[in-house]
Structures are given as C-alpha cells and as structure tokens.
Amino acid sequence: MASAGQARQAADRFRAELAELRDGVVQAIRDGYRQLIDGRLATYQTLLDETLDRYEQLRKVVPSWEAPQYETFRLRPSTGQEVDWLRADYETFIREAVGARDPQRTRAVLEHLFTIVHTCYRRHDLKAATAFYRLLQLAWSDSGRQLEGDSWHDVRNQILDFHRSQVMLIF
C-alpha cells in the first residue's frame, strides 16, 4: 500500500503533467486549431474515465460500512481533487474559447464538455456530473457578454439542445 508521501508525490506529478496538457489546450484554442483542440480534449476525457475508474476501485476496496469515518472520506469520494483539477481546467478552456470570440472554438470546447457531463451521468457520478454541468452556466453567461448576434445564438442553442437531451435522459 502506498504511503501518504507517495500518494502526494503521485498527485503532484499528475498535476504537473495536467498543467502541461492544459497549456497545450489553451494554446490550441488561441491558435484556432480544431484538430489539436479535439485531440487534447479527448485526452481529458480519457483522464476523467481513468480517474472515475480509480474511484470505483477504491469504493470496492473499502466499503463504507467497514471503514472508520475518516477512511471512508478519503477512500470513497464521489470525486476528489483530480476531478476538481479537470473541472478547473475546463473552466479555463471555456473562458479562452469564448474570449477568442470565435463560436467554432467555443463549440469545440462545449462538445467535449457535453461528452464529459454525459460520461459522469452514465457512470452515476452525480457530483462530478453536476460540477461539470455547472460550467454550462459560465459558458452561457460569458458567451452572452462577449459574443454577438448569430454567434451568441449558435452557442446558446448548442447549450439548450444539450440541456434538453440530458433532461430527456433523466426522465
């Protein structure tokens, strides 16, 4: 079993590698390279899948009724700091894409965000789904302030269509 120090080192390495990936996505958004945006955001999807897999493994190792309360909190999180980091990076991507005032860049980021939200719902991780879903509010408000005319309407309709599809899945 890994010590607390080893776990902290692994988390630090993960965060450092994630920072490099985040910077690459931000640069791709700024440059407007859709293929790079898609490829790098697909890596975020993979990271989220692997993180949620790991959480599921931890839930199987320590059932909540067998572990002391403090261990339950550490080993059975619905989401942990890794998901928080991924969500924070997506916030950065939304701000960069909307700030570029190019609806195609915003659309690219939102399409990947929709996939992540859907993945979290499909895996029954409501906390993670909600954390990412709330980023749609940010996209909506930032787009409304920074985009004009058809560009704003395109982004708004994309968000509304996604919302409608998720509501239909729930009911």
N, C-alpha and C. Protein backbone atom coordinates (compact mmCIF):
# COMPACT_ATOMS: atom_id res chain seq x y z
N MET A 1 0.84 -1.18 0.00
CA MET A 1 0.00 0.00 0.00
C MET A 1 0.88 1.24 0.00
N ALA A 2 0.50 2.24 -0.75
CA ALA A 2 1.29 3.46 -0.88
C ALA A 2 1.19 4.30 0.38
N SER A 3 2.28 4.93 0.73
CA SER A 3 2.28 5.82 1.88
C SER A 3 1.66 7.15 1.48
N ALA A 4 1.37 7.97 2.48
CA ALA A 4 0.80 9.28 2.22
C ALA A 4 1.76 10.13 1.39
N GLY A 5 3.07 9.99 1.65
CA GLY A 5 4.07 10.73 0.89
C GLY A 5 4.10 10.32 -0.57
N GLN A 6 4.00 9.01 -0.82
CA GLN A 6 3.99 8.52 -2.20
C GLN A 6 2.74 8.97 -2.93
N ALA A 7 1.63 8.95 -2.23
CA ALA A 7 0.38 9.40 -2.84
C ALA A 7 0.46 10.89 -3.17
N ARG A 8 1.05 11.66 -2.30
CA ARG A 8 1.20 13.09 -2.54
C ARG A 8 2.12 13.34 -3.74
N GLN A 9 3.21 12.57 -3.83
CA GLN A 9 4.12 12.71 -4.98
C GLN A 9 3.42 12.35 -6.28
N ALA A 10 2.63 11.29 -6.26
CA ALA A 10 1.89 10.89 -7.45
C ALA A 10 0.90 11.98 -7.85
N ALA A 11 0.23 12.57 -6.88
CA ALA A 11 -0.72 13.65 -7.16
C ALA A 11 0.01 14.86 -7.72
N ASP A 12 1.18 15.17 -7.19
CA ASP A 12 1.96 16.30 -7.69
C ASP A 12 2.41 16.07 -9.13
N ARG A 13 2.83 14.84 -9.45
CA ARG A 13 3.23 14.50 -10.82
C ARG A 13 2.04 14.63 -11.78
N PHE A 14 0.90 14.10 -11.32
CA PHE A 14 -0.32 14.17 -12.14
C PHE A 14 -0.66 15.62 -12.43
N ARG A 15 -0.61 16.46 -11.40
CA ARG A 15 -0.97 17.87 -11.57
C ARG A 15 0.00 18.58 -12.50
N ALA A 16 1.29 18.26 -12.40
CA ALA A 16 2.29 18.88 -13.27
C ALA A 16 2.06 18.49 -14.73
N GLU A 17 1.79 17.21 -14.96
CA GLU A 17 1.53 16.75 -16.33
C GLU A 17 0.23 17.34 -16.86
N LEU A 18 -0.76 17.46 -15.98
CA LEU A 18 -2.03 18.06 -16.37
C LEU A 18 -1.84 19.53 -16.73
N ALA A 19 -0.96 20.23 -16.02
CA ALA A 19 -0.69 21.64 -16.32
C ALA A 19 -0.09 21.78 -17.72
N GLU A 20 0.80 20.87 -18.09
CA GLU A 20 1.38 20.91 -19.44
C GLU A 20 0.29 20.67 -20.49
N LEU A 21 -0.57 19.71 -20.24
CA LEU A 21 -1.66 19.42 -21.17
C LEU A 21 -2.60 20.62 -21.26
N ARG A 22 -2.94 21.20 -20.11
CA ARG A 22 -3.83 22.38 -20.09
C ARG A 22 -3.24 23.50 -20.92
N ASP A 23 -1.94 23.76 -20.75
CA ASP A 23 -1.30 24.83 -21.51
C ASP A 23 -1.34 24.54 -23.01
N GLY A 24 -1.22 23.27 -23.38
CA GLY A 24 -1.32 22.89 -24.80
C GLY A 24 -2.72 23.12 -25.35
N VAL A 25 -3.73 22.81 -24.56
CA VAL A 25 -5.12 23.04 -24.99
C VAL A 25 -5.37 24.53 -25.15
N VAL A 26 -4.92 25.31 -24.17
CA VAL A 26 -5.12 26.76 -24.23
C VAL A 26 -4.45 27.33 -25.49
N GLN A 27 -3.25 26.88 -25.79
CA GLN A 27 -2.56 27.37 -26.98
C GLN A 27 -3.31 26.96 -28.25
N ALA A 28 -3.82 25.74 -28.28
CA ALA A 28 -4.58 25.29 -29.45
C ALA A 28 -5.85 26.13 -29.62
N ILE A 29 -6.50 26.47 -28.51
CA ILE A 29 -7.69 27.33 -28.58
C ILE A 29 -7.30 28.70 -29.11
N ARG A 30 -6.23 29.26 -28.58
CA ARG A 30 -5.79 30.59 -29.04
C ARG A 30 -5.44 30.59 -30.52
N ASP A 31 -4.80 29.50 -30.97
CA ASP A 31 -4.40 29.40 -32.37
C ASP A 31 -5.55 28.99 -33.29
N GLY A 32 -6.63 28.47 -32.71
CA GLY A 32 -7.79 28.07 -33.50
C GLY A 32 -7.64 26.76 -34.24
N TYR A 33 -6.77 25.87 -33.76
CA TYR A 33 -6.55 24.58 -34.40
C TYR A 33 -7.53 23.55 -33.86
N ARG A 34 -8.60 23.33 -34.60
CA ARG A 34 -9.67 22.43 -34.14
C ARG A 34 -9.16 21.01 -33.89
N GLN A 35 -8.32 20.48 -34.75
CA GLN A 35 -7.83 19.11 -34.55
C GLN A 35 -7.01 18.99 -33.28
N LEU A 36 -6.19 19.98 -32.99
CA LEU A 36 -5.42 19.96 -31.75
C LEU A 36 -6.33 20.10 -30.54
N ILE A 37 -7.31 20.97 -30.64
CA ILE A 37 -8.27 21.14 -29.55
C ILE A 37 -8.95 19.80 -29.29
N ASP A 38 -9.48 19.18 -30.34
CA ASP A 38 -10.18 17.91 -30.19
C ASP A 38 -9.28 16.82 -29.61
N GLY A 39 -8.07 16.72 -30.13
CA GLY A 39 -7.16 15.68 -29.66
C GLY A 39 -6.78 15.85 -28.20
N ARG A 40 -6.47 17.06 -27.82
CA ARG A 40 -6.06 17.29 -26.43
C ARG A 40 -7.23 17.19 -25.47
N LEU A 41 -8.40 17.63 -25.89
CA LEU A 41 -9.57 17.49 -25.01
C LEU A 41 -10.00 16.02 -24.92
N ALA A 42 -9.74 15.24 -25.95
CA ALA A 42 -10.01 13.79 -25.87
C ALA A 42 -9.13 13.17 -24.78
N THR A 43 -7.93 13.69 -24.61
CA THR A 43 -7.06 13.21 -23.54
C THR A 43 -7.68 13.52 -22.18
N TYR A 44 -8.33 14.67 -22.05
CA TYR A 44 -9.03 14.99 -20.80
C TYR A 44 -10.15 13.99 -20.53
N GLN A 45 -10.86 13.59 -21.58
CA GLN A 45 -11.91 12.58 -21.43
C GLN A 45 -11.32 11.28 -20.91
N THR A 46 -10.19 10.87 -21.47
CA THR A 46 -9.52 9.65 -21.03
C THR A 46 -9.09 9.77 -19.57
N LEU A 47 -8.54 10.91 -19.20
CA LEU A 47 -8.12 11.13 -17.82
C LEU A 47 -9.31 11.05 -16.86
N LEU A 48 -10.43 11.63 -17.27
CA LEU A 48 -11.62 11.55 -16.42
C LEU A 48 -12.09 10.12 -16.28
N ASP A 49 -12.13 9.38 -17.38
CA ASP A 49 -12.54 7.97 -17.33
C ASP A 49 -11.63 7.18 -16.39
N GLU A 50 -10.34 7.37 -16.52
CA GLU A 50 -9.40 6.64 -15.67
C GLU A 50 -9.53 7.05 -14.21
N THR A 51 -9.78 8.32 -13.96
CA THR A 51 -9.96 8.79 -12.59
C THR A 51 -11.22 8.19 -11.98
N LEU A 52 -12.31 8.19 -12.74
CA LEU A 52 -13.55 7.61 -12.22
C LEU A 52 -13.41 6.09 -12.03
N ASP A 53 -12.65 5.44 -12.91
CA ASP A 53 -12.36 4.01 -12.72
C ASP A 53 -11.63 3.79 -11.41
N ARG A 54 -10.66 4.64 -11.14
CA ARG A 54 -9.88 4.50 -9.90
C ARG A 54 -10.77 4.71 -8.68
N TYR A 55 -11.64 5.69 -8.72
CA TYR A 55 -12.57 5.90 -7.60
C TYR A 55 -13.44 4.67 -7.38
N GLU A 56 -13.88 4.07 -8.49
CA GLU A 56 -14.70 2.86 -8.38
C GLU A 56 -13.91 1.73 -7.74
N GLN A 57 -12.66 1.58 -8.11
CA GLN A 57 -11.81 0.56 -7.49
C GLN A 57 -11.66 0.80 -6.00
N LEU A 58 -11.49 2.04 -5.62
CA LEU A 58 -11.35 2.37 -4.19
C LEU A 58 -12.65 2.08 -3.43
N ARG A 59 -13.77 2.33 -4.06
CA ARG A 59 -15.05 2.02 -3.40
C ARG A 59 -15.20 0.53 -3.17
N LYS A 60 -14.67 -0.28 -4.08
CA LYS A 60 -14.76 -1.73 -3.92
C LYS A 60 -13.81 -2.22 -2.83
N VAL A 61 -12.69 -1.56 -2.66
CA VAL A 61 -11.69 -1.97 -1.66
C VAL A 61 -12.18 -1.70 -0.25
N VAL A 62 -12.79 -0.56 -0.03
CA VAL A 62 -13.20 -0.18 1.33
C VAL A 62 -14.68 0.18 1.33
N PRO A 63 -15.55 -0.81 1.56
CA PRO A 63 -16.98 -0.48 1.67
C PRO A 63 -17.21 0.45 2.85
N SER A 64 -18.13 1.37 2.70
CA SER A 64 -18.33 2.40 3.72
C SER A 64 -18.72 1.83 5.08
N TRP A 65 -19.40 0.71 5.11
CA TRP A 65 -19.84 0.17 6.40
C TRP A 65 -18.71 -0.53 7.16
N GLU A 66 -17.56 -0.78 6.49
CA GLU A 66 -16.45 -1.47 7.15
C GLU A 66 -15.32 -0.52 7.55
N ALA A 67 -15.30 0.68 7.05
CA ALA A 67 -14.18 1.58 7.28
C ALA A 67 -14.55 2.65 8.31
N PRO A 68 -13.58 3.03 9.11
CA PRO A 68 -13.82 4.17 10.00
C PRO A 68 -14.17 5.40 9.18
N GLN A 69 -14.83 6.35 9.79
CA GLN A 69 -15.32 7.52 9.07
C GLN A 69 -14.22 8.26 8.32
N TYR A 70 -13.06 8.44 8.94
CA TYR A 70 -12.02 9.19 8.24
C TYR A 70 -11.50 8.45 7.03
N GLU A 71 -11.45 7.14 7.06
CA GLU A 71 -11.02 6.38 5.89
C GLU A 71 -12.10 6.40 4.81
N THR A 72 -13.34 6.36 5.21
CA THR A 72 -14.43 6.40 4.25
C THR A 72 -14.33 7.69 3.43
N PHE A 73 -14.05 8.78 4.11
CA PHE A 73 -13.97 10.07 3.43
C PHE A 73 -12.82 10.06 2.42
N ARG A 74 -11.68 9.51 2.79
CA ARG A 74 -10.54 9.54 1.90
C ARG A 74 -10.65 8.52 0.78
N LEU A 75 -11.19 7.36 1.05
CA LEU A 75 -11.17 6.29 0.06
C LEU A 75 -12.46 6.15 -0.73
N ARG A 76 -13.51 6.81 -0.33
CA ARG A 76 -14.76 6.65 -1.05
C ARG A 76 -15.31 8.00 -1.52
N PRO A 77 -14.46 8.84 -2.04
CA PRO A 77 -15.02 10.12 -2.50
C PRO A 77 -15.85 9.90 -3.76
N SER A 78 -16.90 10.69 -3.89
CA SER A 78 -17.61 10.68 -5.16
C SER A 78 -16.68 11.26 -6.21
N THR A 79 -16.02 12.33 -5.84
CA THR A 79 -14.96 12.89 -6.67
C THR A 79 -13.88 13.39 -5.73
N GLY A 80 -12.71 13.57 -6.25
CA GLY A 80 -11.61 14.05 -5.44
C GLY A 80 -10.91 15.21 -6.13
N GLN A 81 -9.73 15.47 -5.68
CA GLN A 81 -9.01 16.62 -6.20
C GLN A 81 -8.71 16.50 -7.69
N GLU A 82 -8.53 15.29 -8.19
CA GLU A 82 -8.24 15.14 -9.61
C GLU A 82 -9.41 15.64 -10.48
N VAL A 83 -10.62 15.30 -10.09
CA VAL A 83 -11.79 15.77 -10.84
C VAL A 83 -11.91 17.28 -10.69
N ASP A 84 -11.60 17.79 -9.51
CA ASP A 84 -11.63 19.25 -9.31
C ASP A 84 -10.63 19.94 -10.25
N TRP A 85 -9.45 19.34 -10.41
CA TRP A 85 -8.45 19.92 -11.31
C TRP A 85 -8.94 19.89 -12.75
N LEU A 86 -9.53 18.78 -13.17
CA LEU A 86 -10.04 18.68 -14.53
C LEU A 86 -11.14 19.71 -14.77
N ARG A 87 -12.03 19.87 -13.81
CA ARG A 87 -13.11 20.84 -13.93
C ARG A 87 -12.56 22.26 -14.00
N ALA A 88 -11.58 22.56 -13.17
CA ALA A 88 -10.97 23.90 -13.20
C ALA A 88 -10.31 24.18 -14.55
N ASP A 89 -9.69 23.16 -15.13
CA ASP A 89 -9.08 23.34 -16.45
C ASP A 89 -10.15 23.61 -17.50
N TYR A 90 -11.28 22.91 -17.42
CA TYR A 90 -12.36 23.16 -18.37
C TYR A 90 -12.91 24.57 -18.23
N GLU A 91 -12.91 25.10 -17.02
CA GLU A 91 -13.32 26.50 -16.84
C GLU A 91 -12.38 27.41 -17.61
N THR A 92 -11.09 27.13 -17.52
CA THR A 92 -10.10 27.89 -18.28
C THR A 92 -10.35 27.79 -19.77
N PHE A 93 -10.66 26.59 -20.25
CA PHE A 93 -10.90 26.38 -21.68
C PHE A 93 -12.12 27.16 -22.16
N ILE A 94 -13.16 27.16 -21.36
CA ILE A 94 -14.37 27.91 -21.74
C ILE A 94 -14.04 29.40 -21.84
N ARG A 95 -13.36 29.91 -20.84
CA ARG A 95 -13.02 31.34 -20.85
C ARG A 95 -12.13 31.69 -22.06
N GLU A 96 -11.18 30.83 -22.37
CA GLU A 96 -10.30 31.07 -23.52
C GLU A 96 -11.09 31.02 -24.83
N ALA A 97 -11.94 30.01 -24.97
CA ALA A 97 -12.69 29.85 -26.22
C ALA A 97 -13.66 31.00 -26.42
N VAL A 98 -14.39 31.36 -25.39
CA VAL A 98 -15.34 32.47 -25.52
C VAL A 98 -14.58 33.78 -25.73
N GLY A 99 -13.47 33.94 -25.02
CA GLY A 99 -12.66 35.15 -25.16
C GLY A 99 -12.08 35.32 -26.56
N ALA A 100 -11.90 34.22 -27.29
CA ALA A 100 -11.41 34.29 -28.67
C ALA A 100 -12.48 34.86 -29.61
N ARG A 101 -13.71 34.91 -29.12
CA ARG A 101 -14.84 35.45 -29.89
C ARG A 101 -15.05 34.72 -31.22
N ASP A 102 -14.73 33.43 -31.19
CA ASP A 102 -14.92 32.58 -32.36
C ASP A 102 -15.85 31.45 -31.94
N PRO A 103 -17.08 31.42 -32.42
CA PRO A 103 -18.03 30.40 -31.97
C PRO A 103 -17.58 28.98 -32.28
N GLN A 104 -16.72 28.81 -33.28
CA GLN A 104 -16.23 27.46 -33.59
C GLN A 104 -15.34 26.93 -32.47
N ARG A 105 -14.55 27.78 -31.89
CA ARG A 105 -13.69 27.36 -30.77
C ARG A 105 -14.55 27.06 -29.54
N THR A 106 -15.53 27.91 -29.30
CA THR A 106 -16.43 27.67 -28.17
C THR A 106 -17.20 26.38 -28.38
N ARG A 107 -17.68 26.15 -29.60
CA ARG A 107 -18.42 24.93 -29.92
C ARG A 107 -17.54 23.70 -29.67
N ALA A 108 -16.28 23.77 -30.06
CA ALA A 108 -15.36 22.63 -29.87
C ALA A 108 -15.22 22.29 -28.39
N VAL A 109 -15.02 23.29 -27.56
CA VAL A 109 -14.86 23.05 -26.12
C VAL A 109 -16.17 22.52 -25.53
N LEU A 110 -17.29 23.11 -25.93
CA LEU A 110 -18.57 22.68 -25.39
C LEU A 110 -18.90 21.25 -25.79
N GLU A 111 -18.57 20.85 -27.00
CA GLU A 111 -18.84 19.47 -27.42
C GLU A 111 -18.13 18.48 -26.51
N HIS A 112 -16.91 18.78 -26.17
CA HIS A 112 -16.16 17.89 -25.27
C HIS A 112 -16.72 17.97 -23.84
N LEU A 113 -17.13 19.14 -23.43
CA LEU A 113 -17.74 19.27 -22.10
C LEU A 113 -19.03 18.46 -22.03
N PHE A 114 -19.83 18.48 -23.09
CA PHE A 114 -21.07 17.69 -23.12
C PHE A 114 -20.76 16.21 -22.97
N THR A 115 -19.71 15.75 -23.63
CA THR A 115 -19.32 14.35 -23.53
C THR A 115 -18.92 14.00 -22.10
N ILE A 116 -18.21 14.89 -21.46
CA ILE A 116 -17.78 14.64 -20.08
C ILE A 116 -18.99 14.59 -19.15
N VAL A 117 -19.90 15.53 -19.29
CA VAL A 117 -21.10 15.52 -18.44
C VAL A 117 -21.87 14.22 -18.66
N HIS A 118 -22.05 13.84 -19.90
CA HIS A 118 -22.78 12.61 -20.21
C HIS A 118 -22.08 11.39 -19.62
N THR A 119 -20.76 11.36 -19.71
CA THR A 119 -19.98 10.25 -19.13
C THR A 119 -20.22 10.16 -17.63
N CYS A 120 -20.18 11.28 -16.95
CA CYS A 120 -20.39 11.28 -15.49
C CYS A 120 -21.80 10.79 -15.14
N TYR A 121 -22.80 11.25 -15.89
CA TYR A 121 -24.17 10.76 -15.66
C TYR A 121 -24.26 9.26 -15.90
N ARG A 122 -23.70 8.82 -17.01
CA ARG A 122 -23.74 7.40 -17.38
C ARG A 122 -23.08 6.54 -16.30
N ARG A 123 -22.05 7.06 -15.68
CA ARG A 123 -21.34 6.32 -14.65
C ARG A 123 -21.93 6.55 -13.25
N HIS A 124 -23.04 7.25 -13.20
CA HIS A 124 -23.78 7.50 -11.95
C HIS A 124 -22.96 8.29 -10.94
N ASP A 125 -22.11 9.18 -11.41
CA ASP A 125 -21.35 10.05 -10.52
C ASP A 125 -21.98 11.43 -10.60
N LEU A 126 -23.01 11.62 -9.82
CA LEU A 126 -23.79 12.86 -9.87
C LEU A 126 -22.97 14.06 -9.45
N LYS A 127 -22.09 13.88 -8.48
CA LYS A 127 -21.28 15.02 -8.02
C LYS A 127 -20.38 15.52 -9.15
N ALA A 128 -19.71 14.62 -9.83
CA ALA A 128 -18.85 15.03 -10.94
C ALA A 128 -19.68 15.62 -12.08
N ALA A 129 -20.80 14.98 -12.39
CA ALA A 129 -21.67 15.48 -13.47
C ALA A 129 -22.12 16.90 -13.16
N THR A 130 -22.52 17.13 -11.94
CA THR A 130 -23.00 18.46 -11.55
C THR A 130 -21.88 19.49 -11.63
N ALA A 131 -20.69 19.10 -11.19
CA ALA A 131 -19.56 20.04 -11.23
C ALA A 131 -19.27 20.48 -12.67
N PHE A 132 -19.28 19.54 -13.60
CA PHE A 132 -19.03 19.90 -14.99
C PHE A 132 -20.24 20.59 -15.63
N TYR A 133 -21.44 20.15 -15.27
CA TYR A 133 -22.66 20.74 -15.83
C TYR A 133 -22.77 22.22 -15.49
N ARG A 134 -22.31 22.58 -14.30
CA ARG A 134 -22.37 23.99 -13.88
C ARG A 134 -21.51 24.88 -14.76
N LEU A 135 -20.54 24.29 -15.44
CA LEU A 135 -19.72 25.09 -16.34
C LEU A 135 -20.53 25.60 -17.53
N LEU A 136 -21.66 24.97 -17.80
CA LEU A 136 -22.52 25.47 -18.88
C LEU A 136 -23.06 26.86 -18.53
N GLN A 137 -23.30 27.12 -17.25
CA GLN A 137 -23.73 28.45 -16.83
C GLN A 137 -22.66 29.49 -17.15
N LEU A 138 -21.41 29.11 -16.89
CA LEU A 138 -20.29 30.00 -17.21
C LEU A 138 -20.23 30.25 -18.72
N ALA A 139 -20.35 29.20 -19.50
CA ALA A 139 -20.31 29.34 -20.95
C ALA A 139 -21.46 30.24 -21.43
N TRP A 140 -22.63 30.03 -20.86
CA TRP A 140 -23.80 30.82 -21.24
C TRP A 140 -23.58 32.30 -20.93
N SER A 141 -23.18 32.59 -19.70
CA SER A 141 -23.04 34.00 -19.30
C SER A 141 -21.87 34.67 -20.01
N ASP A 142 -20.73 34.01 -20.12
CA ASP A 142 -19.59 34.61 -20.82
C ASP A 142 -19.90 34.82 -22.29
N SER A 143 -20.55 33.85 -22.92
CA SER A 143 -20.91 33.98 -24.33
C SER A 143 -21.88 35.13 -24.54
N GLY A 144 -22.84 35.25 -23.63
CA GLY A 144 -23.82 36.32 -23.74
C GLY A 144 -23.18 37.70 -23.64
N ARG A 145 -22.10 37.80 -22.87
CA ARG A 145 -21.42 39.09 -22.71
C ARG A 145 -20.43 39.37 -23.85
N GLN A 146 -19.82 38.33 -24.41
CA GLN A 146 -18.72 38.56 -25.33
C GLN A 146 -19.03 38.29 -26.80
N LEU A 147 -20.04 37.48 -27.07
CA LEU A 147 -20.39 37.18 -28.45
C LEU A 147 -21.61 37.99 -28.85
N GLU A 148 -21.74 38.20 -30.14
CA GLU A 148 -22.87 39.00 -30.63
C GLU A 148 -23.63 38.25 -31.71
N GLY A 149 -24.88 38.63 -31.88
CA GLY A 149 -25.69 38.16 -32.99
C GLY A 149 -25.77 36.66 -33.15
N ASP A 150 -25.51 36.20 -34.35
CA ASP A 150 -25.63 34.78 -34.66
C ASP A 150 -24.65 33.93 -33.85
N SER A 151 -23.48 34.47 -33.56
CA SER A 151 -22.50 33.71 -32.78
C SER A 151 -23.07 33.37 -31.41
N TRP A 152 -23.67 34.36 -30.75
CA TRP A 152 -24.27 34.13 -29.44
C TRP A 152 -25.43 33.16 -29.55
N HIS A 153 -26.25 33.32 -30.57
CA HIS A 153 -27.40 32.43 -30.73
C HIS A 153 -26.96 30.99 -31.00
N ASP A 154 -25.89 30.81 -31.76
CA ASP A 154 -25.39 29.46 -32.02
C ASP A 154 -24.94 28.78 -30.74
N VAL A 155 -24.17 29.49 -29.92
CA VAL A 155 -23.69 28.92 -28.66
C VAL A 155 -24.87 28.65 -27.73
N ARG A 156 -25.76 29.61 -27.62
CA ARG A 156 -26.94 29.44 -26.77
C ARG A 156 -27.75 28.22 -27.19
N ASN A 157 -27.99 28.06 -28.48
CA ASN A 157 -28.76 26.92 -28.97
C ASN A 157 -28.05 25.60 -28.72
N GLN A 158 -26.72 25.60 -28.85
CA GLN A 158 -25.96 24.39 -28.57
C GLN A 158 -26.14 23.97 -27.10
N ILE A 159 -26.06 24.93 -26.21
CA ILE A 159 -26.24 24.63 -24.78
C ILE A 159 -27.67 24.17 -24.50
N LEU A 160 -28.65 24.85 -25.08
CA LEU A 160 -30.05 24.47 -24.86
C LEU A 160 -30.35 23.08 -25.42
N ASP A 161 -29.82 22.77 -26.58
CA ASP A 161 -30.04 21.44 -27.16
C ASP A 161 -29.44 20.36 -26.26
N PHE A 162 -28.25 20.62 -25.75
CA PHE A 162 -27.63 19.64 -24.85
C PHE A 162 -28.47 19.49 -23.58
N HIS A 163 -28.91 20.60 -23.02
CA HIS A 163 -29.72 20.55 -21.81
C HIS A 163 -30.99 19.74 -22.05
N ARG A 164 -31.65 19.97 -23.15
CA ARG A 164 -32.87 19.22 -23.48
C ARG A 164 -32.57 17.72 -23.60
N SER A 165 -31.45 17.38 -24.21
CA SER A 165 -31.13 15.95 -24.37
C SER A 165 -30.85 15.31 -23.02
N GLN A 166 -30.23 16.04 -22.08
CA GLN A 166 -29.95 15.47 -20.77
C GLN A 166 -31.23 15.34 -19.95
N VAL A 167 -32.13 16.29 -20.08
CA VAL A 167 -33.39 16.20 -19.36
C VAL A 167 -34.17 14.98 -19.86
N MET A 168 -34.12 14.73 -21.16
CA MET A 168 -34.81 13.57 -21.71
C MET A 168 -34.20 12.26 -21.19
N LEU A 169 -32.90 12.23 -20.97
CA LEU A 169 -32.25 11.03 -20.45
C LEU A 169 -32.67 10.75 -19.00
N ILE A 170 -32.86 11.83 -18.24
CA ILE A 170 -33.22 11.68 -16.83
C ILE A 170 -34.64 11.17 -16.69
N PHE A 171 -35.55 11.69 -17.51
CA PHE A 171 -36.94 11.30 -17.42
C PHE A 171 -37.20 10.23 -18.41
